[in-house]
């Protein structure tokens, strides 16, 4: 694990070693000030319906979840909480923006999402597409916020799970039954084709058939692993079937079908050190506060915030989110 000062350099644009405890305290105080400002401005972002402008091109917003190791747990293998990251695609007059929050922190995560979108100029009469990873908390977050919105399960997470099952099917081949493996691979290809074309009912039938074939009393460990993955995927598709379009048709129309563009925001906002290597532990308020600061840094808004608080600081420098 790197030094504490190096960890903080991933959160704030600092160029020299500083006392970690001092930075942590100042970040916490700064985030609390931002939260207080949010409370003062709450309810003031919605435009009067009569003052709405003609909406511009449809917006696309991707939402993804990541899990952070919770502080104060008895071991590293237990105790996690979810962080939700969002990113908007750029439009003709808007740069991409990101946001992050701890889903269990605070009573109104939906309001936070709405404030972030309205801060970018999204109007209540705007068409917006929300793509999510299919997790319950992430999927439900934007529901009901905007009347002209659509909510889709993104293809990236669907095909990622199917890739894992295909690799497991290869393991069945190597273990004991090459003929069965060939049948499994063919069924998985049919499954993917049906999901790509929005034929969810038929896809669920194929998953049910796969589970039946794999449910053997004397099945190998490879069988049992694949059976578990098939059943989990069946539950995943069943729970998200209302949000699965004809992906092939959308792709041919040039419409977005994947939240792959959010992955960079997850790495930039939450940071590889904080999540994927799991070398740090967080309290829910601490993680949430850091996300608010980090989002402003990545969005190019941090200097403007400081200039507003401290007028003598100077003009903000322009930065861009990748």
Protein backbone atom coordinates (compact mmCIF):
# COMPACT_ATOMS: atom_id res chain seq x y z
CA UNK A 1 0.00 0.00 0.00
CA UNK A 2 1.25 3.50 -0.84
CA UNK A 3 1.78 6.24 1.68
CA UNK A 4 -1.30 8.13 3.03
CA UNK A 5 -0.22 11.28 1.23
CA UNK A 6 -0.20 9.42 -2.09
CA UNK A 7 -3.75 8.21 -1.37
CA UNK A 8 -4.90 11.77 -0.87
CA UNK A 9 -3.22 12.88 -4.11
CA UNK A 10 -5.75 10.65 -5.89
CA UNK A 11 -8.57 12.66 -4.30
CA UNK A 12 -7.27 16.22 -4.56
CA UNK A 13 -4.84 17.88 -6.99
CA UNK A 14 -2.04 18.42 -4.47
CA UNK A 15 1.59 18.52 -5.55
CA UNK A 16 3.51 18.07 -2.30
CA UNK A 17 3.40 15.92 0.82
CA UNK A 18 1.09 17.32 3.47
CA UNK A 19 -0.08 16.13 6.84
CA UNK A 20 -2.72 13.47 6.17
CA UNK A 21 -4.82 14.23 9.24
CA UNK A 22 -4.91 17.92 8.33
CA UNK A 23 -6.03 17.17 4.77
CA UNK A 24 -8.70 14.77 6.01
CA UNK A 25 -10.06 17.33 8.45
CA UNK A 26 -10.14 20.11 5.84
CA UNK A 27 -11.78 17.91 3.22
CA UNK A 28 -14.42 16.91 5.74
CA UNK A 29 -15.12 20.54 6.68
CA UNK A 30 -15.23 21.62 3.04
CA UNK A 31 -17.67 18.86 2.14
CA UNK A 32 -19.87 19.80 5.09
CA UNK A 33 -19.95 23.37 3.79
CA UNK A 34 -21.03 22.10 0.36
CA UNK A 35 -23.76 20.03 2.00
CA UNK A 36 -24.95 23.07 3.93
CA UNK A 37 -25.13 25.10 0.70
CA UNK A 38 -27.13 22.32 -0.89
CA UNK A 39 -29.60 22.49 1.98
CA UNK A 40 -29.96 26.27 1.61
CA UNK A 41 -30.62 25.97 -2.13
CA UNK A 42 -32.91 22.94 -1.96
CA UNK A 43 -36.11 23.33 -3.89
CA UNK A 44 -34.83 26.25 -5.92
CA UNK A 45 -33.56 24.38 -8.98
CA UNK A 46 -36.87 23.49 -10.61
CA UNK A 47 -37.98 25.92 -13.29
CA UNK A 48 -41.49 27.21 -13.57
CA UNK A 49 -43.33 25.11 -16.14
CA UNK A 50 -44.27 28.23 -18.09
CA UNK A 51 -40.61 29.28 -18.37
CA UNK A 52 -39.28 26.08 -19.90
CA UNK A 53 -37.32 26.46 -23.11
CA UNK A 54 -37.63 24.22 -26.12
CA UNK A 55 -35.64 21.11 -25.12
CA UNK A 56 -32.42 20.36 -26.95
CA UNK A 57 -31.24 16.93 -28.11
CA UNK A 58 -32.04 13.94 -25.85
CA UNK A 59 -29.67 13.37 -22.95
CA UNK A 60 -27.97 10.10 -22.03
CA UNK A 61 -26.96 9.36 -18.45
CA UNK A 62 -25.17 6.21 -17.35
CA UNK A 63 -25.32 4.91 -13.78
CA UNK A 64 -23.10 2.24 -12.27
CA UNK A 65 -22.46 0.86 -8.81
CA UNK A 66 -19.25 0.00 -6.96
CA UNK A 67 -18.66 -1.42 -3.51
CA UNK A 68 -16.38 0.14 -0.91
CA UNK A 69 -14.89 -1.70 2.05
CA UNK A 70 -16.58 -0.43 5.20
CA UNK A 71 -14.59 0.81 8.16
CA UNK A 72 -14.72 -0.96 11.48
CA UNK A 73 -15.61 -4.44 10.21
CA UNK A 74 -14.23 -7.59 11.88
CA UNK A 75 -12.50 -8.78 8.70
CA UNK A 76 -11.68 -7.67 5.14
CA UNK A 77 -14.10 -10.23 3.68
CA UNK A 78 -17.21 -8.67 5.19
CA UNK A 79 -18.71 -5.24 5.43
CA UNK A 80 -19.29 -3.34 2.21
CA UNK A 81 -21.49 -0.48 1.14
CA UNK A 82 -22.48 0.72 -2.30
CA UNK A 83 -21.30 3.82 -4.09
CA UNK A 84 -23.30 5.00 -7.11
CA UNK A 85 -21.48 6.81 -9.91
CA UNK A 86 -23.13 8.61 -12.79
CA UNK A 87 -21.89 10.29 -15.93
CA UNK A 88 -23.65 12.27 -18.64
CA UNK A 89 -22.64 11.99 -22.27
CA UNK A 90 -21.53 15.25 -23.89
CA UNK A 91 -23.99 17.15 -26.09
CA UNK A 92 -23.42 19.95 -28.57
CA UNK A 93 -23.35 22.57 -25.83
CA UNK A 94 -22.53 20.53 -22.72
CA UNK A 95 -19.36 18.81 -21.54
CA UNK A 96 -19.64 15.43 -19.82
CA UNK A 97 -20.14 15.59 -16.07
CA UNK A 98 -19.91 12.99 -13.33
CA UNK A 99 -21.34 12.62 -9.85
CA UNK A 100 -21.11 10.13 -7.01
CA UNK A 101 -22.92 9.36 -3.79
CA UNK A 102 -23.19 6.70 -1.12
CA UNK A 103 -26.61 5.18 -1.67
CA UNK A 104 -27.32 4.71 2.04
CA UNK A 105 -26.09 8.14 3.10
CA UNK A 106 -28.80 10.74 3.49
CA UNK A 107 -32.54 10.35 3.03
CA UNK A 108 -32.93 11.53 -0.57
CA UNK A 109 -30.44 10.20 -3.13
CA UNK A 110 -33.06 10.76 -5.88
CA UNK A 111 -33.11 14.47 -5.06
CA UNK A 112 -29.33 14.58 -5.28
CA UNK A 113 -29.43 13.06 -8.76
CA UNK A 114 -32.10 15.56 -9.85
CA UNK A 115 -30.06 18.48 -8.51
CA UNK A 116 -27.00 17.29 -10.40
CA UNK A 117 -28.96 17.02 -13.66
CA UNK A 118 -30.76 20.33 -13.21
CA UNK A 119 -27.43 21.97 -12.43
CA UNK A 120 -26.37 21.01 -15.96
CA UNK A 121 -29.52 22.52 -17.43
CA UNK A 122 -31.79 19.49 -17.74
CA UNK A 123 -35.44 20.53 -17.86
CA UNK A 124 -38.50 18.57 -16.81
CA UNK A 125 -39.67 18.42 -20.45
CA UNK A 126 -36.34 17.00 -21.66
CA UNK A 127 -36.00 13.51 -23.12
CA UNK A 128 -33.38 11.55 -21.20
CA UNK A 129 -32.21 7.95 -21.37
CA UNK A 130 -30.93 6.35 -18.17
CA UNK A 131 -28.78 3.25 -18.57
CA UNK A 132 -27.87 1.26 -15.48
CA UNK A 133 -26.08 -1.93 -14.46
CA UNK A 134 -29.30 -3.58 -13.30
CA UNK A 135 -28.63 -3.40 -9.56
CA UNK A 136 -31.74 -2.58 -7.54
CA UNK A 137 -30.45 0.61 -5.92
CA UNK A 138 -28.89 1.93 -9.13
CA UNK A 139 -31.89 1.05 -11.32
CA UNK A 140 -34.44 2.59 -8.96
CA UNK A 141 -32.54 5.84 -8.38
CA UNK A 142 -33.84 7.82 -11.43
CA UNK A 143 -37.31 6.26 -11.55
CA UNK A 144 -40.11 8.81 -11.67
CA UNK A 145 -37.85 11.87 -11.82
CA UNK A 146 -38.66 12.94 -15.38
CA UNK A 147 -41.83 12.17 -17.38
CA UNK A 148 -39.98 11.90 -20.72
CA UNK A 149 -37.33 9.44 -19.58
CA UNK A 150 -36.60 5.86 -20.53
CA UNK A 151 -34.79 3.37 -18.33
CA UNK A 152 -32.67 0.62 -19.87
CA UNK A 153 -30.44 -2.20 -18.73
CA UNK A 154 -27.14 -1.64 -20.46
CA UNK A 155 -25.73 -4.25 -22.81
CA UNK A 156 -22.23 -4.01 -21.32
CA UNK A 157 -23.24 -5.76 -18.09
CA UNK A 158 -25.38 -8.33 -19.93
CA UNK A 159 -22.61 -9.45 -22.25
CA UNK A 160 -20.03 -9.35 -19.44
CA UNK A 161 -22.01 -11.96 -17.49
CA UNK A 162 -22.48 -14.07 -20.60
CA UNK A 163 -18.73 -14.04 -21.26
CA UNK A 164 -18.16 -15.47 -17.79
CA UNK A 165 -20.67 -18.27 -18.44
CA UNK A 166 -19.04 -19.09 -21.79
CA UNK A 167 -15.69 -19.52 -20.07
CA UNK A 168 -17.31 -21.79 -17.50
CA UNK A 169 -18.79 -23.89 -20.32
CA UNK A 170 -15.25 -24.38 -21.66
CA UNK A 171 -14.33 -25.69 -18.21
CA UNK A 172 -17.09 -28.30 -18.49
CA UNK A 173 -15.51 -29.44 -21.76
CA UNK A 174 -12.09 -29.79 -20.20
CA UNK A 175 -13.47 -31.56 -17.13
CA UNK A 176 -15.39 -34.52 -18.48
CA UNK A 177 -18.06 -34.03 -21.16
CA UNK A 178 -16.99 -32.42 -24.45
CA UNK A 179 -20.30 -33.31 -26.18
CA UNK A 180 -22.31 -31.56 -23.48
CA UNK A 181 -19.94 -28.60 -23.68
CA UNK A 182 -20.68 -28.19 -27.40
CA UNK A 183 -24.43 -28.15 -26.65
CA UNK A 184 -23.91 -25.59 -23.89
CA UNK A 185 -21.90 -23.30 -26.14
CA UNK A 186 -24.60 -23.47 -28.84
CA UNK A 187 -27.33 -22.70 -26.31
CA UNK A 188 -25.34 -19.77 -24.94
CA UNK A 189 -24.97 -18.38 -28.47
CA UNK A 190 -28.75 -18.66 -28.97
CA UNK A 191 -29.26 -17.01 -25.60
CA UNK A 192 -27.08 -14.06 -26.57
CA UNK A 193 -28.80 -13.72 -29.97
CA UNK A 194 -32.25 -13.59 -28.34
CA UNK A 195 -31.19 -11.03 -25.75
CA UNK A 196 -29.54 -8.87 -28.43
CA UNK A 197 -32.82 -8.82 -30.37
CA UNK A 198 -34.99 -8.11 -27.33
CA UNK A 199 -36.56 -11.59 -27.21
CA UNK A 200 -36.43 -11.78 -23.43
CA UNK A 201 -39.18 -14.40 -23.01
CA UNK A 202 -37.33 -16.85 -25.27
CA UNK A 203 -34.04 -16.07 -23.52
CA UNK A 204 -35.59 -17.00 -20.17
CA UNK A 205 -36.80 -20.28 -21.67
CA UNK A 206 -33.25 -21.06 -22.80
CA UNK A 207 -31.90 -20.27 -19.34
CA UNK A 208 -34.48 -22.60 -17.82
CA UNK A 209 -33.39 -25.34 -20.25
CA UNK A 210 -29.75 -24.75 -19.38
CA UNK A 211 -30.48 -25.06 -15.67
CA UNK A 212 -32.33 -28.34 -16.28
CA UNK A 213 -29.45 -29.82 -18.29
CA UNK A 214 -26.85 -28.83 -15.70
CA UNK A 215 -28.81 -29.96 -12.64
CA UNK A 216 -27.09 -33.34 -12.23
CA UNK A 217 -26.75 -35.25 -8.97
CA UNK A 218 -23.21 -36.31 -9.77
CA UNK A 219 -22.22 -33.17 -11.65
CA UNK A 220 -18.62 -32.03 -11.57
CA UNK A 221 -17.54 -28.86 -9.74
CA UNK A 222 -17.48 -27.14 -13.14
CA UNK A 223 -21.13 -28.15 -13.65
CA UNK A 224 -22.14 -26.75 -10.28
CA UNK A 225 -20.33 -23.45 -10.87
CA UNK A 226 -21.99 -23.00 -14.24
CA UNK A 227 -25.40 -23.98 -12.86
CA UNK A 228 -25.06 -21.37 -10.12
CA UNK A 229 -24.09 -18.72 -12.70
CA UNK A 230 -27.02 -19.67 -14.98
CA UNK A 231 -29.53 -19.40 -12.14
CA UNK A 232 -28.10 -16.06 -11.04
CA UNK A 233 -28.24 -14.76 -14.62
CA UNK A 234 -31.83 -15.98 -14.98
CA UNK A 235 -32.80 -14.01 -11.86
CA UNK A 236 -30.89 -10.98 -13.19
CA UNK A 237 -32.66 -11.04 -16.57
CA UNK A 238 -36.05 -11.75 -15.01
CA UNK A 239 -35.67 -8.81 -12.63
CA UNK A 240 -34.67 -6.47 -15.45
CA UNK A 241 -36.83 -7.75 -18.32
CA UNK A 242 -38.94 -4.58 -18.37
CA UNK A 243 -35.80 -2.55 -19.08
CA UNK A 244 -34.37 -4.64 -21.92
CA UNK A 245 -34.96 -3.19 -25.40
CA UNK A 246 -34.12 -4.58 -28.82
CA UNK A 247 -30.42 -3.79 -28.54
CA UNK A 248 -29.70 -4.64 -32.17
CA UNK A 249 -32.32 -2.21 -33.41
CA UNK A 250 -31.08 0.55 -31.14
CA UNK A 251 -27.50 -0.09 -32.26
CA UNK A 252 -28.49 0.19 -35.94
CA UNK A 253 -30.26 3.46 -35.16
CA UNK A 254 -27.08 4.84 -33.61
CA UNK A 255 -28.55 4.94 -30.11
CA UNK A 256 -26.53 4.26 -26.98
CA UNK A 257 -26.86 0.75 -25.52
CA UNK A 258 -23.99 0.54 -23.03
CA UNK A 259 -22.69 2.23 -19.89
CA UNK A 260 -19.10 1.47 -20.87
CA UNK A 261 -18.50 5.24 -20.94
CA UNK A 262 -19.21 5.33 -17.19
CA UNK A 263 -16.35 2.95 -16.39
CA UNK A 264 -13.77 5.74 -16.72
CA UNK A 265 -15.78 7.85 -14.28
CA UNK A 266 -15.89 4.97 -11.79
CA UNK A 267 -12.10 4.68 -11.92
CA UNK A 268 -11.56 8.44 -11.82
CA UNK A 269 -14.15 9.28 -9.17
CA UNK A 270 -13.96 6.35 -6.79
CA UNK A 271 -10.35 5.49 -7.72
CA UNK A 272 -8.75 2.11 -8.28
CA UNK A 273 -6.92 2.37 -4.96
CA UNK A 274 -10.12 2.93 -3.02
CA UNK A 275 -12.22 0.14 -4.52
CA UNK A 276 -10.57 -2.42 -6.75
CA UNK A 277 -7.50 -3.08 -4.62
CA UNK A 278 -9.53 -2.64 -1.43
CA UNK A 279 -6.59 -1.28 0.56
CA UNK A 280 -8.59 1.42 2.29
CA UNK A 281 -11.64 1.35 4.55
CA UNK A 282 -14.29 4.05 4.69
CA UNK A 283 -17.16 5.29 6.78
CA UNK A 284 -20.26 6.09 4.76
CA UNK A 285 -20.14 9.86 5.53
CA UNK A 286 -16.40 9.99 4.83
CA UNK A 287 -16.72 8.28 1.47
CA UNK A 288 -19.72 10.40 0.51
CA UNK A 289 -17.95 13.66 1.38
CA UNK A 290 -14.87 12.67 -0.62
CA UNK A 291 -17.03 11.85 -3.63
CA UNK A 292 -18.52 15.34 -3.58
CA UNK A 293 -15.08 16.97 -3.62
CA UNK A 294 -13.66 14.59 -6.18
CA UNK A 295 -16.60 15.12 -8.55
CA UNK A 296 -16.09 18.87 -8.48
CA UNK A 297 -12.39 18.42 -9.23
CA UNK A 298 -13.08 16.13 -12.21
CA UNK A 299 -15.91 18.31 -13.52
CA UNK A 300 -13.70 21.40 -13.46
CA UNK A 301 -15.91 23.09 -10.85
CA UNK A 302 -13.62 22.95 -7.82
CA UNK A 303 -11.65 26.14 -8.54
CA UNK A 304 -14.90 27.99 -9.24
CA UNK A 305 -16.28 26.89 -5.87
CA UNK A 306 -13.18 28.08 -4.05
CA UNK A 307 -13.20 31.37 -6.00
CA UNK A 308 -16.78 31.94 -4.91
CA UNK A 309 -15.88 31.32 -1.28
CA UNK A 310 -12.61 33.26 -1.48
CA UNK A 311 -13.01 36.03 -4.11
CA UNK A 312 -9.31 36.88 -4.14
CA UNK A 313 -8.31 33.43 -5.35
CA UNK A 314 -8.58 34.23 -9.06
CA UNK A 315 -10.28 32.86 -12.13
CA UNK A 316 -10.99 29.10 -12.36
CA UNK A 317 -8.81 26.98 -14.61
CA UNK A 318 -10.59 24.89 -17.22
CA UNK A 319 -10.37 21.12 -16.86
CA UNK A 320 -12.07 18.33 -18.72
CA UNK A 321 -13.45 14.99 -17.65
CA UNK A 322 -12.26 12.07 -19.74
